[in-house]
Amino acid sequence: MTVYKKVYSYMKPYIKGYVLGFIFLIVTAVIDLIYPMLFKFLIDDVLIMGDNQVLNYIALAAIALFIVKGIFNFGQVYLLSGMGEKVITDLRNDLYRHMQGLSLSFYEKWQTGELISRATNDINTVQISITTGIPGMLIQPLKLAGIISILIYYNWKLSLLAFLIFPLVAIVFNKFGGRMRKISNKIQQRLGLITTILQETISGIMIVKAFNMEKKEIDKFTEASNKTLNDNLKGVQIRAALTPLIEFILAIGVAIFFWYGGRLVINGELKPGELILFLTYMAMLMSPINIMSENYNLIQKAAGSAERILEIFDIDGKVVEDKGAVELPQIEGKVEFKDVYFSYKDGEEVLNNINFIVEPGETLALVGHSGAGKSTLVKLIPRFYNLDRGEILIDDMNISKVSLKSLRRQIGIVPQDTMLFRGTIAQNIAYGVENKSREEIIEAARQANAHQFIINFKDGYETEVGERGVSLSGGQKQRISIARAILTNPRILILDEATSSLDMKSEALVQEALERLMINRTTFVIAHRLSTIIDADRIIVLEQGRVIEEGSHEVLMKKEAHYHRLYKTQFM
């Protein structure tokens, strides 16, 4: 019921249009029920009695019913399908908005392909249920009730024979529905895995080819695809078995009806036209039941998909602003970590009792073995994660008490893996920055040593970079990232191994741009480059999430302790 209530909450704003569409659907269903009555009059009054006037009325009625049904059918399709599109758009937008609000830890736990599958495949399944499944499950019982009422009106004894079979039909529906829902849920999980494999192999196609892993990846994809096929075939078996089983139960009722109805006509208790009417409506009984069977399967499948979507909505991993959050004013750049503890999972501390102060304009280098907690530490400054304990202060203001937007717009980040988005080079430089002129964008590119290679492109700053910047080299992407940071003019700068994956020539250009960017800014540097470490005002050595040494390069080298050993093993 939780699933259905959630879906209904999205339908509620458009419920008037949905109700009107359903009324139109009722009109079309009523017209379907009227059509067979024309055959009764045709047989009893025209063919047997020879009444030409009735024949004329029947012909005119057939045309009128056809026109009216066409008009109302257009209305119900437009209203119900349009409402379904609006509901799914709202659901998809809310899901994306919710995912954007979750902390980085959420994305580190979930596979990208799985998230994409839930935001596409599962939502599309819910959409089909809203536009087709739910209206079908509402109108078909009414249509069935209409047929039964007409049968009772003409001969209740004959009708009673048909109604004896419905309890059997209900039992079959109940048995098959639960199995279909479980299989549908498993199918959606399989599709999520397939999407994940596609996303990983397409993004990392160069690595796949470099290590001759094409066959291995093909086998992995084929295995996942075949498992999906097996689950789909199980679903097909259920759907294939349900309809003929229902039809077989109905056929028993029809056979009894033929025998008894024929005797009534022979005995003069029933007109031939009325028997034909009964036969027609008995045949029509099959249609609502078959459609209900299909729509029931569809709704069960959609319920499984909705559960997977709601699972993401139920995740409360947001970095939430304090209710009384204030705007962080223009800062000087002092940063203080006070008794900071952080863990990704309960009981697995990544940072333990971190305490230090960085003065405005100071450069702090963070060194330590892989997994020491360097990247995690700098990600806490823009509040990408919630602290377990402690405080981080900027200009003596607790960052948990200020708005995220005002905090992050004064922090610039140049990561190791530069992310560029589809669009032009100019749009990527100005990403997240509003109302910047072309001259300001060009100046930022000049300072980042990017202007020259940009103007060498045919379209210059309007060059499309492609998905993830695939048309640019690593050094070019990194310099665009630096230009982006320069354009924001941040007071606090975070450099997370910004030159570690570049060749020597690109590294020299990037390093020159970084040094220009670092002037008069509080800078946190995670670097593999010796000169960056030596030139830092202060160095912090991390080991297993703890600060074990702190000081300048010269001071730490004289101690001949942890930093001295790290220096010799990693930098010399």
Protein backbone atom coordinates (compact mmCIF):
# COMPACT_ATOMS: atom_id res chain seq x y z
CA MET A 1 0.00 0.00 0.00
CA THR A 2 2.95 2.32 0.64
CA VAL A 3 3.93 1.98 -3.02
CA TYR A 4 0.42 2.73 -4.29
CA LYS A 5 0.02 5.70 -1.93
CA LYS A 6 3.28 7.19 -3.18
CA VAL A 7 2.25 6.79 -6.82
CA TYR A 8 -1.17 8.29 -6.04
CA SER A 9 0.50 11.32 -4.42
CA TYR A 10 2.00 12.10 -7.84
CA MET A 11 -1.33 11.53 -9.60
CA LYS A 12 -3.30 13.72 -7.19
CA PRO A 13 -2.45 17.15 -8.77
CA TYR A 14 -3.81 15.91 -12.11
CA ILE A 15 -6.67 13.80 -10.78
CA LYS A 16 -9.40 16.00 -12.34
CA GLY A 17 -8.08 15.33 -15.83
CA TYR A 18 -7.66 11.65 -14.96
CA VAL A 19 -11.28 11.43 -13.74
CA LEU A 20 -12.54 13.19 -16.90
CA GLY A 21 -10.51 10.81 -19.04
CA PHE A 22 -11.96 7.89 -17.12
CA ILE A 23 -15.49 9.22 -17.73
CA PHE A 24 -14.71 9.36 -21.44
CA LEU A 25 -13.44 5.79 -21.14
CA ILE A 26 -16.75 4.76 -19.53
CA VAL A 27 -18.68 6.28 -22.45
CA THR A 28 -16.65 4.26 -24.97
CA ALA A 29 -17.22 1.13 -22.86
CA VAL A 30 -20.99 1.78 -22.78
CA ILE A 31 -21.04 2.15 -26.57
CA ASP A 32 -19.24 -1.20 -26.84
CA LEU A 33 -22.04 -2.72 -24.75
CA ILE A 34 -24.76 -1.16 -26.93
CA TYR A 35 -23.45 -2.54 -30.24
CA PRO A 36 -24.62 -6.18 -29.71
CA MET A 37 -28.20 -5.01 -29.10
CA LEU A 38 -28.33 -3.95 -32.76
CA PHE A 39 -27.90 -7.63 -33.71
CA LYS A 40 -30.89 -8.63 -31.57
CA PHE A 41 -33.14 -6.11 -33.31
CA LEU A 42 -31.68 -7.05 -36.70
CA ILE A 43 -32.58 -10.74 -36.21
CA ASP A 44 -35.91 -10.50 -34.36
CA ASP A 45 -37.42 -7.36 -35.96
CA VAL A 46 -35.80 -7.19 -39.40
CA LEU A 47 -34.87 -10.72 -40.54
CA ILE A 48 -37.81 -12.48 -38.84
CA MET A 49 -40.52 -9.75 -38.76
CA GLY A 50 -39.37 -7.92 -41.94
CA ASP A 51 -39.59 -4.37 -40.46
CA ASN A 52 -37.76 -1.96 -42.86
CA GLN A 53 -38.17 1.02 -40.53
CA VAL A 54 -36.19 -0.74 -37.80
CA LEU A 55 -33.50 -1.55 -40.39
CA ASN A 56 -33.10 2.18 -41.14
CA TYR A 57 -32.85 2.99 -37.43
CA ILE A 58 -30.23 0.28 -36.94
CA ALA A 59 -28.07 1.67 -39.77
CA LEU A 60 -28.28 5.26 -38.45
CA ALA A 61 -27.58 4.11 -34.89
CA ALA A 62 -24.47 2.20 -36.00
CA ILE A 63 -23.04 5.34 -37.69
CA ALA A 64 -23.88 7.59 -34.73
CA LEU A 65 -22.36 5.19 -32.19
CA PHE A 66 -19.19 4.94 -34.29
CA ILE A 67 -18.77 8.74 -34.43
CA VAL A 68 -19.48 9.28 -30.73
CA LYS A 69 -17.12 6.49 -29.73
CA GLY A 70 -14.34 7.97 -31.88
CA ILE A 71 -14.68 11.39 -30.24
CA PHE A 72 -14.72 10.04 -26.69
CA ASN A 73 -11.94 7.55 -27.42
CA PHE A 74 -9.70 10.42 -28.57
CA GLY A 75 -10.53 12.33 -25.38
CA GLN A 76 -9.77 9.45 -23.01
CA VAL A 77 -6.46 8.58 -24.70
CA TYR A 78 -5.35 12.24 -24.71
CA LEU A 79 -6.32 12.87 -21.07
CA LEU A 80 -5.10 9.61 -19.55
CA SER A 81 -1.85 9.41 -21.52
CA GLY A 82 -1.15 13.13 -21.03
CA MET A 83 -1.70 12.78 -17.29
CA GLY A 84 0.62 9.76 -17.23
CA GLU A 85 3.35 11.76 -18.99
CA LYS A 86 3.02 14.59 -16.42
CA VAL A 87 3.11 12.20 -13.46
CA ILE A 88 6.20 10.42 -14.71
CA THR A 89 7.93 13.71 -15.51
CA ASP A 90 7.30 14.88 -11.94
CA LEU A 91 8.47 11.54 -10.52
CA ARG A 92 11.63 11.52 -12.64
CA ASN A 93 12.42 15.15 -11.77
CA ASP A 94 11.90 14.51 -8.06
CA LEU A 95 14.07 11.40 -8.20
CA TYR A 96 16.86 13.31 -9.93
CA ARG A 97 16.48 16.22 -7.48
CA HIS A 98 16.66 13.79 -4.55
CA MET A 99 19.74 12.08 -5.97
CA GLN A 100 21.46 15.44 -6.49
CA GLY A 101 20.89 16.23 -2.82
CA LEU A 102 22.52 13.02 -1.55
CA SER A 103 26.07 13.09 -0.26
CA LEU A 104 29.03 11.59 -2.12
CA SER A 105 28.91 8.52 0.12
CA PHE A 106 25.66 7.49 -1.59
CA TYR A 107 27.33 7.47 -5.02
CA GLU A 108 30.31 5.57 -3.66
CA LYS A 109 28.00 2.74 -2.55
CA TRP A 110 25.68 2.53 -5.57
CA GLN A 111 26.61 1.48 -9.10
CA THR A 112 26.00 4.11 -11.76
CA GLY A 113 24.25 1.70 -14.12
CA GLU A 114 21.84 0.61 -11.38
CA LEU A 115 20.85 4.21 -10.70
CA ILE A 116 20.38 4.89 -14.42
CA SER A 117 18.21 1.78 -14.76
CA ARG A 118 15.94 2.87 -11.91
CA ALA A 119 15.63 6.38 -13.33
CA THR A 120 14.77 5.08 -16.82
CA ASN A 121 13.57 1.46 -17.09
CA ASP A 122 11.68 1.39 -13.79
CA ILE A 123 10.06 4.78 -14.31
CA ASN A 124 8.96 3.79 -17.82
CA THR A 125 7.33 0.67 -16.39
CA VAL A 126 5.42 2.77 -13.85
CA GLN A 127 4.34 5.11 -16.67
CA ILE A 128 2.81 2.28 -18.70
CA SER A 129 0.94 1.13 -15.61
CA ILE A 130 -0.53 4.60 -15.01
CA THR A 131 -1.61 5.20 -18.61
CA THR A 132 -2.78 1.66 -19.42
CA GLY A 133 -2.77 -0.70 -16.45
CA ILE A 134 -4.75 1.30 -13.88
CA PRO A 135 -7.45 2.58 -16.29
CA GLY A 136 -7.82 -0.97 -17.62
CA MET A 137 -8.21 -2.44 -14.13
CA LEU A 138 -10.86 0.19 -13.33
CA ILE A 139 -12.92 0.10 -16.53
CA GLN A 140 -12.88 -3.62 -17.29
CA PRO A 141 -14.72 -4.63 -14.05
CA LEU A 142 -17.35 -1.99 -14.88
CA LYS A 143 -17.62 -3.35 -18.39
CA LEU A 144 -17.88 -6.85 -16.97
CA ALA A 145 -20.62 -5.69 -14.57
CA GLY A 146 -22.49 -4.10 -17.49
CA ILE A 147 -22.42 -7.33 -19.49
CA ILE A 148 -23.59 -9.33 -16.48
CA SER A 149 -26.44 -6.85 -15.82
CA ILE A 150 -27.66 -7.13 -19.41
CA LEU A 151 -27.54 -10.92 -19.25
CA ILE A 152 -29.54 -10.96 -16.01
CA TYR A 153 -32.08 -8.53 -17.47
CA TYR A 154 -32.88 -10.83 -20.39
CA ASN A 155 -32.79 -14.19 -18.56
CA TRP A 156 -31.48 -14.64 -15.03
CA LYS A 157 -31.57 -18.44 -15.14
CA LEU A 158 -29.36 -18.58 -18.21
CA SER A 159 -27.03 -15.97 -16.72
CA LEU A 160 -26.60 -17.94 -13.51
CA LEU A 161 -24.78 -20.68 -15.40
CA ALA A 162 -22.17 -18.20 -16.57
CA PHE A 163 -21.58 -16.68 -13.13
CA LEU A 164 -20.67 -19.96 -11.47
CA ILE A 165 -17.22 -19.83 -13.06
CA PHE A 166 -16.09 -16.45 -11.67
CA PRO A 167 -14.84 -17.70 -8.26
CA LEU A 168 -12.48 -20.01 -10.16
CA VAL A 169 -11.22 -17.06 -12.22
CA ALA A 170 -10.48 -15.04 -9.03
CA ILE A 171 -8.47 -17.92 -7.54
CA VAL A 172 -6.35 -18.19 -10.69
CA PHE A 173 -5.69 -14.41 -10.72
CA ASN A 174 -4.56 -14.45 -7.12
CA LYS A 175 -2.19 -17.41 -7.63
CA PHE A 176 -0.48 -16.05 -10.74
CA GLY A 177 -0.27 -12.37 -9.67
CA GLY A 178 2.15 -12.86 -6.76
CA ARG A 179 4.53 -14.96 -8.84
CA MET A 180 4.50 -12.37 -11.64
CA ARG A 181 5.42 -9.53 -9.25
CA LYS A 182 8.45 -11.42 -7.88
CA ILE A 183 9.73 -12.27 -11.35
CA SER A 184 9.20 -8.68 -12.59
CA ASN A 185 11.22 -7.33 -9.67
CA LYS A 186 14.07 -9.72 -10.49
CA ILE A 187 13.94 -8.72 -14.17
CA GLN A 188 14.36 -5.03 -13.26
CA GLN A 189 17.37 -5.92 -11.11
CA ARG A 190 18.88 -7.82 -14.04
CA LEU A 191 18.32 -4.82 -16.32
CA GLY A 192 20.10 -2.63 -13.77
CA LEU A 193 23.12 -4.95 -13.91
CA ILE A 194 23.13 -4.87 -17.72
CA THR A 195 23.04 -1.05 -17.66
CA THR A 196 25.93 -1.04 -15.17
CA ILE A 197 28.06 -3.31 -17.37
CA LEU A 198 27.30 -1.14 -20.42
CA GLN A 199 28.18 2.07 -18.56
CA GLU A 200 31.45 0.67 -17.22
CA THR A 201 32.69 -0.90 -20.44
CA ILE A 202 31.75 2.03 -22.67
CA SER A 203 33.37 4.55 -20.30
CA GLY A 204 36.46 2.37 -19.91
CA ILE A 205 36.66 1.00 -23.47
CA MET A 206 40.33 1.99 -23.82
CA ILE A 207 41.29 -0.05 -20.75
CA VAL A 208 39.20 -2.98 -21.96
CA LYS A 209 41.04 -3.01 -25.29
CA ALA A 210 44.46 -2.31 -23.78
CA PHE A 211 44.22 -5.40 -21.59
CA ASN A 212 42.56 -7.60 -24.25
CA MET A 213 39.47 -7.98 -22.11
CA GLU A 214 36.91 -7.77 -24.91
CA LYS A 215 35.99 -11.47 -24.70
CA LYS A 216 35.82 -11.36 -20.90
CA GLU A 217 33.47 -8.36 -20.99
CA ILE A 218 31.38 -9.95 -23.75
CA ASP A 219 31.05 -13.10 -21.65
CA LYS A 220 30.06 -11.04 -18.59
CA PHE A 221 27.45 -9.11 -20.59
CA THR A 222 26.14 -12.26 -22.28
CA GLU A 223 25.79 -14.03 -18.94
CA ALA A 224 23.79 -11.13 -17.48
CA SER A 225 21.71 -10.91 -20.66
CA ASN A 226 20.97 -14.65 -20.65
CA LYS A 227 19.90 -14.55 -16.99
CA THR A 228 17.55 -11.70 -17.88
CA LEU A 229 16.24 -13.79 -20.77
CA ASN A 230 15.56 -16.73 -18.42
CA ASP A 231 13.62 -14.50 -16.01
CA ASN A 232 11.71 -12.93 -18.91
CA LEU A 233 10.83 -16.38 -20.21
CA LYS A 234 9.46 -17.32 -16.78
CA GLY A 235 7.30 -14.19 -16.94
CA VAL A 236 6.21 -15.13 -20.47
CA GLN A 237 5.28 -18.61 -19.25
CA ILE A 238 3.07 -17.14 -16.53
CA ARG A 239 1.39 -14.74 -18.94
CA ALA A 240 1.05 -17.44 -21.57
CA ALA A 241 -0.47 -19.90 -19.10
CA LEU A 242 -2.87 -17.42 -17.47
CA THR A 243 -4.94 -16.48 -20.53
CA PRO A 244 -5.64 -20.01 -21.85
CA LEU A 245 -6.40 -21.22 -18.34
CA ILE A 246 -8.96 -18.46 -17.90
CA GLU A 247 -10.35 -19.18 -21.35
CA PHE A 248 -10.67 -22.89 -20.54
CA ILE A 249 -12.69 -22.10 -17.41
CA LEU A 250 -14.89 -19.76 -19.44
CA ALA A 251 -15.27 -22.35 -22.20
CA ILE A 252 -16.84 -24.77 -19.72
CA GLY A 253 -19.41 -22.15 -18.84
CA VAL A 254 -20.07 -21.38 -22.52
CA ALA A 255 -20.59 -25.06 -23.35
CA ILE A 256 -23.20 -25.38 -20.60
CA PHE A 257 -24.78 -22.15 -21.84
CA PHE A 258 -25.05 -23.46 -25.44
CA TRP A 259 -26.77 -26.58 -24.31
CA TYR A 260 -29.26 -24.90 -21.99
CA GLY A 261 -29.87 -21.84 -24.20
CA GLY A 262 -30.60 -23.97 -27.24
CA ARG A 263 -33.26 -25.89 -25.30
CA LEU A 264 -34.92 -22.58 -24.26
CA VAL A 265 -35.19 -21.44 -27.92
CA ILE A 266 -36.56 -24.84 -28.98
CA ASN A 267 -39.16 -24.66 -26.21
CA GLY A 268 -40.12 -21.07 -27.22
CA GLU A 269 -38.97 -19.56 -23.93
CA LEU A 270 -36.28 -17.43 -25.64
CA LYS A 271 -36.22 -15.56 -28.98
CA PRO A 272 -33.47 -16.38 -31.49
CA GLY A 273 -32.21 -12.79 -31.38
CA GLU A 274 -31.99 -12.92 -27.59
CA LEU A 275 -29.93 -16.13 -27.80
CA ILE A 276 -27.57 -14.47 -30.30
CA LEU A 277 -27.41 -11.50 -27.93
CA PHE A 278 -26.49 -13.86 -25.09
CA LEU A 279 -23.84 -15.57 -27.23
CA THR A 280 -22.35 -12.21 -28.18
CA TYR A 281 -22.19 -10.97 -24.60
CA MET A 282 -20.79 -14.31 -23.44
CA ALA A 283 -18.02 -13.91 -26.01
CA MET A 284 -17.52 -10.35 -24.80
CA LEU A 285 -17.03 -11.67 -21.25
CA MET A 286 -13.69 -13.04 -22.40
CA SER A 287 -12.30 -9.66 -23.39
CA PRO A 288 -12.57 -7.83 -20.03
CA ILE A 289 -11.18 -10.84 -18.20
CA ASN A 290 -8.23 -11.19 -20.59
CA ILE A 291 -7.51 -7.46 -20.42
CA MET A 292 -7.74 -7.51 -16.62
CA SER A 293 -5.28 -10.42 -16.64
CA GLU A 294 -2.78 -8.46 -18.73
CA ASN A 295 -3.24 -5.23 -16.76
CA TYR A 296 -2.95 -7.06 -13.47
CA ASN A 297 0.43 -8.43 -14.59
CA LEU A 298 1.39 -4.94 -15.72
CA ILE A 299 0.45 -3.38 -12.37
CA GLN A 300 2.35 -6.08 -10.46
CA LYS A 301 5.41 -5.40 -12.60
CA ALA A 302 5.03 -1.65 -12.05
CA ALA A 303 4.69 -2.19 -8.30
CA GLY A 304 8.06 -3.94 -8.30
CA SER A 305 9.59 -1.05 -10.25
CA ALA A 306 7.99 1.51 -7.93
CA GLU A 307 9.50 -0.30 -4.93
CA ARG A 308 12.95 0.05 -6.50
CA ILE A 309 12.38 3.77 -7.12
CA LEU A 310 11.09 4.35 -3.58
CA GLU A 311 14.16 2.60 -2.20
CA ILE A 312 16.21 5.54 -3.44
CA PHE A 313 13.69 8.07 -2.11
CA ASP A 314 13.93 6.38 1.30
CA ILE A 315 17.69 6.91 1.49
CA ASP A 316 18.38 9.75 3.89
CA GLY A 317 21.98 10.52 3.01
CA LYS A 318 21.63 14.22 2.36
CA VAL A 319 23.96 16.89 3.64
CA VAL A 320 21.17 18.99 5.12
CA GLU A 321 21.46 22.69 5.77
CA ASP A 322 20.75 23.88 9.30
CA LYS A 323 17.25 25.43 9.58
CA GLY A 324 18.83 28.67 10.64
CA ALA A 325 21.64 28.52 8.07
CA VAL A 326 23.10 31.93 7.26
CA GLU A 327 24.94 33.22 4.23
CA LEU A 328 28.70 32.88 4.54
CA PRO A 329 30.09 36.38 3.89
CA GLN A 330 33.17 37.05 1.79
CA ILE A 331 35.89 35.14 3.65
CA GLU A 332 39.57 35.69 4.35
CA GLY A 333 40.29 31.96 4.15
CA LYS A 334 41.15 30.77 7.65
CA VAL A 335 40.27 27.07 8.05
CA GLU A 336 40.21 25.15 11.33
CA PHE A 337 39.58 21.45 11.95
CA LYS A 338 38.51 20.91 15.55
CA ASP A 339 38.23 17.34 16.92
CA VAL A 340 36.99 16.01 13.57
CA TYR A 341 35.93 12.37 13.27
CA PHE A 342 34.51 10.82 10.11
CA SER A 343 33.58 7.35 8.84
CA TYR A 344 31.85 6.07 5.71
CA LYS A 345 30.42 3.12 7.64
CA ASP A 346 29.66 2.71 11.31
CA GLY A 347 32.71 1.49 13.21
CA GLU A 348 35.16 2.13 10.33
CA GLU A 349 36.74 5.51 11.08
CA VAL A 350 38.52 7.15 8.16
CA LEU A 351 39.54 10.31 10.07
CA ASN A 352 40.25 10.29 13.79
CA ASN A 353 40.57 13.38 15.99
CA ILE A 354 41.86 15.78 13.33
CA ASN A 355 42.99 19.17 14.70
CA PHE A 356 44.83 21.92 12.81
CA ILE A 357 44.49 25.53 11.66
CA VAL A 358 45.38 26.97 8.25
CA GLU A 359 45.78 30.73 8.13
CA PRO A 360 44.50 32.86 5.22
CA GLY A 361 46.78 32.60 2.18
CA GLU A 362 48.70 29.64 3.62
CA THR A 363 49.45 26.52 1.56
CA LEU A 364 49.02 23.22 3.37
CA ALA A 365 50.29 20.00 1.78
CA LEU A 366 48.76 16.67 2.78
CA VAL A 367 50.94 13.59 2.40
CA GLY A 368 50.60 9.97 3.39
CA HIS A 369 50.23 6.50 1.98
CA SER A 370 47.21 5.60 -0.15
CA GLY A 371 44.12 5.26 2.03
CA ALA A 372 45.48 7.53 4.77
CA GLY A 373 42.45 9.84 4.43
CA LYS A 374 43.91 12.77 2.45
CA SER A 375 41.13 13.07 -0.17
CA THR A 376 38.43 12.47 2.42
CA LEU A 377 39.80 15.30 4.57
CA VAL A 378 39.65 17.91 1.81
CA LYS A 379 36.17 16.76 0.74
CA LEU A 380 34.88 17.67 4.20
CA ILE A 381 35.72 21.37 3.70
CA PRO A 382 32.91 21.98 1.12
CA ARG A 383 30.65 19.64 3.17
CA PHE A 384 30.41 16.83 0.68
CA TYR A 385 29.87 14.59 3.73
CA ASN A 386 28.40 14.98 7.20
CA LEU A 387 30.88 14.80 10.07
CA ASP A 388 30.47 12.12 12.72
CA ARG A 389 31.85 14.48 15.38
CA GLY A 390 33.71 17.73 15.65
CA GLU A 391 33.63 21.02 13.76
CA ILE A 392 35.15 22.62 10.70
CA LEU A 393 35.39 26.40 10.95
CA ILE A 394 36.01 28.92 8.18
CA ASP A 395 36.86 32.38 9.49
CA ASP A 396 35.67 31.06 12.88
CA MET A 397 32.19 30.19 11.48
CA ASN A 398 31.01 26.57 11.74
CA ILE A 399 30.38 25.40 8.17
CA SER A 400 27.38 23.34 9.34
CA LYS A 401 25.65 26.64 10.22
CA VAL A 402 26.03 28.31 6.82
CA SER A 403 24.21 27.66 3.53
CA LEU A 404 25.88 25.15 1.22
CA LYS A 405 25.66 27.49 -1.77
CA SER A 406 27.42 30.37 -0.01
CA LEU A 407 30.07 27.95 1.29
CA ARG A 408 30.86 26.15 -1.94
CA ARG A 409 30.95 29.24 -4.18
CA GLN A 410 34.02 30.41 -2.21
CA ILE A 411 35.86 27.09 -2.62
CA GLY A 412 37.60 26.09 -5.82
CA ILE A 413 38.44 22.44 -6.57
CA VAL A 414 40.84 21.07 -9.18
CA PRO A 415 40.55 17.26 -9.00
CA GLN A 416 42.81 14.59 -10.41
CA ASP A 417 40.09 13.24 -12.71
CA THR A 418 38.76 16.31 -14.48
CA MET A 419 35.10 16.16 -15.40
CA LEU A 420 33.92 18.10 -18.41
CA PHE A 421 30.31 18.16 -19.55
CA ARG A 422 28.72 18.07 -22.98
CA GLY A 423 28.80 21.56 -24.42
CA THR A 424 31.37 24.08 -25.56
CA ILE A 425 34.74 24.89 -23.98
CA ALA A 426 33.39 28.31 -22.95
CA GLN A 427 30.39 26.70 -21.24
CA ASN A 428 32.66 24.32 -19.35
CA ILE A 429 34.92 27.13 -18.14
CA ALA A 430 31.89 29.10 -16.96
CA TYR A 431 30.25 26.03 -15.38
CA GLY A 432 28.54 27.07 -12.15
CA VAL A 433 29.40 30.75 -12.62
CA GLU A 434 26.72 33.20 -13.71
CA ASN A 435 26.95 36.47 -15.65
CA LYS A 436 30.55 36.15 -16.79
CA SER A 437 31.49 37.90 -20.03
CA ARG A 438 33.43 36.28 -22.85
CA GLU A 439 36.38 38.54 -21.98
CA GLU A 440 36.42 37.21 -18.41
CA ILE A 441 36.27 33.62 -19.68
CA ILE A 442 39.18 34.26 -22.05
CA GLU A 443 41.23 35.92 -19.30
CA ALA A 444 40.67 32.92 -17.02
CA ALA A 445 41.81 30.64 -19.85
CA ARG A 446 44.96 32.77 -20.37
CA GLN A 447 45.88 32.49 -16.70
CA ALA A 448 45.32 28.72 -16.90
CA ASN A 449 47.62 28.39 -19.95
CA ALA A 450 44.60 27.19 -21.95
CA HIS A 451 43.93 30.09 -24.32
CA GLN A 452 46.49 29.11 -26.96
CA PHE A 453 45.31 25.54 -27.51
CA ILE A 454 41.66 26.70 -27.44
CA ILE A 455 42.06 29.23 -30.25
CA ASN A 456 43.90 26.61 -32.30
CA PHE A 457 40.64 24.69 -32.58
CA LYS A 458 38.51 25.55 -35.60
CA ASP A 459 35.61 26.78 -33.46
CA GLY A 460 37.76 28.20 -30.67
CA TYR A 461 35.82 28.66 -27.45
CA GLU A 462 32.69 27.27 -29.14
CA THR A 463 34.36 23.90 -29.71
CA GLU A 464 32.19 21.03 -28.50
CA VAL A 465 34.20 18.97 -26.02
CA GLY A 466 32.09 15.80 -26.31
CA GLU A 467 30.96 13.52 -23.50
CA ARG A 468 33.41 13.71 -20.54
CA GLY A 469 35.73 15.81 -22.72
CA VAL A 470 36.84 12.89 -24.87
CA SER A 471 38.03 15.20 -27.66
CA LEU A 472 40.67 16.82 -25.37
CA SER A 473 43.91 15.56 -23.89
CA GLY A 474 44.41 15.12 -20.15
CA GLY A 475 46.49 18.28 -19.89
CA GLN A 476 43.96 20.32 -21.87
CA LYS A 477 41.08 19.13 -19.69
CA GLN A 478 43.06 19.94 -16.56
CA ARG A 479 43.82 23.48 -17.74
CA ILE A 480 40.12 24.04 -18.52
CA SER A 481 39.39 22.84 -14.98
CA ILE A 482 41.90 25.37 -13.64
CA ALA A 483 40.32 28.13 -15.76
CA ARG A 484 36.97 27.16 -14.23
CA ALA A 485 38.45 27.55 -10.74
CA ILE A 486 40.08 30.88 -11.66
CA LEU A 487 36.76 32.23 -12.93
CA THR A 488 35.07 31.51 -9.59
CA ASN A 489 37.84 33.48 -7.81
CA PRO A 490 37.72 31.28 -4.68
CA ARG A 491 39.36 32.17 -1.35
CA ILE A 492 39.97 28.49 -0.57
CA LEU A 493 41.55 26.22 -3.14
CA ILE A 494 41.68 22.40 -3.10
CA LEU A 495 44.15 20.63 -5.42
CA ASP A 496 43.65 16.87 -5.30
CA GLU A 497 46.66 15.39 -7.15
CA ALA A 498 45.88 17.73 -10.02
CA THR A 499 49.00 16.83 -12.06
CA SER A 500 49.48 13.15 -11.19
CA SER A 501 48.27 11.70 -14.50
CA LEU A 502 49.97 14.13 -16.93
CA ASP A 503 53.06 13.91 -19.10
CA MET A 504 56.01 16.18 -18.27
CA LYS A 505 55.19 18.92 -20.79
CA SER A 506 51.51 19.09 -19.80
CA GLU A 507 52.47 18.90 -16.14
CA ALA A 508 54.77 21.91 -16.46
CA LEU A 509 52.02 24.02 -18.07
CA VAL A 510 49.45 22.90 -15.49
CA GLN A 511 51.84 23.46 -12.59
CA GLU A 512 52.60 26.98 -13.79
CA ALA A 513 48.88 27.71 -14.00
CA LEU A 514 48.32 26.24 -10.53
CA GLU A 515 51.06 28.35 -8.97
CA ARG A 516 49.44 31.42 -10.48
CA LEU A 517 46.06 30.30 -9.12
CA MET A 518 47.41 29.67 -5.60
CA ILE A 519 48.65 33.23 -5.04
CA ASN A 520 46.95 34.82 -1.98
CA ARG A 521 44.59 31.87 -1.59
CA THR A 522 44.33 29.36 1.24
CA THR A 523 45.36 26.18 -0.53
CA PHE A 524 45.12 22.50 0.36
CA VAL A 525 47.39 20.37 -1.82
CA ILE A 526 47.41 16.62 -2.23
CA ALA A 527 50.34 16.04 -4.55
CA HIS A 528 52.83 13.49 -5.76
CA ARG A 529 55.20 16.20 -7.03
CA LEU A 530 58.24 17.01 -4.87
CA SER A 531 58.42 20.75 -5.63
CA THR A 532 54.77 21.24 -4.60
CA ILE A 533 55.47 19.63 -1.24
CA ILE A 534 58.69 21.50 -0.57
CA ASP A 535 57.19 24.90 -1.46
CA ALA A 536 54.20 24.43 0.87
CA ASP A 537 54.09 26.60 3.98
CA ARG A 538 53.25 23.56 6.04
CA ILE A 539 52.96 19.80 5.62
CA ILE A 540 50.64 17.44 7.45
CA VAL A 541 51.43 13.73 7.44
CA LEU A 542 48.41 11.41 7.70
CA GLU A 543 48.48 7.75 8.60
CA GLN A 544 45.34 5.64 9.07
CA GLY A 545 43.24 8.78 9.45
CA ARG A 546 45.41 10.46 12.09
CA VAL A 547 47.78 13.43 11.94
CA ILE A 548 51.12 11.97 12.96
CA GLU A 549 53.44 14.83 11.95
CA GLU A 550 53.15 18.50 11.08
CA GLY A 551 55.61 21.18 10.01
CA SER A 552 57.61 22.58 7.09
CA HIS A 553 59.67 20.40 4.79
CA GLU A 554 62.92 21.38 6.48
CA VAL A 555 61.59 20.81 10.00
CA LEU A 556 60.14 17.41 9.18
CA MET A 557 63.28 16.28 7.36
CA LYS A 558 65.38 17.11 10.42
CA LYS A 559 63.15 14.93 12.61
CA GLU A 560 64.03 11.92 10.43
CA ALA A 561 60.73 10.27 11.33
CA HIS A 562 57.61 9.43 9.30
CA TYR A 563 57.90 12.22 6.72
CA HIS A 564 61.61 11.59 6.25
CA ARG A 565 60.92 7.91 5.42
CA LEU A 566 57.97 8.85 3.17
CA TYR A 567 60.11 11.42 1.38
CA LYS A 568 62.80 8.88 0.66
CA THR A 569 60.43 6.14 -0.53
CA GLN A 570 58.00 8.23 -2.58
CA PHE A 571 59.81 11.35 -3.75
CA MET A 572 63.51 10.51 -4.02
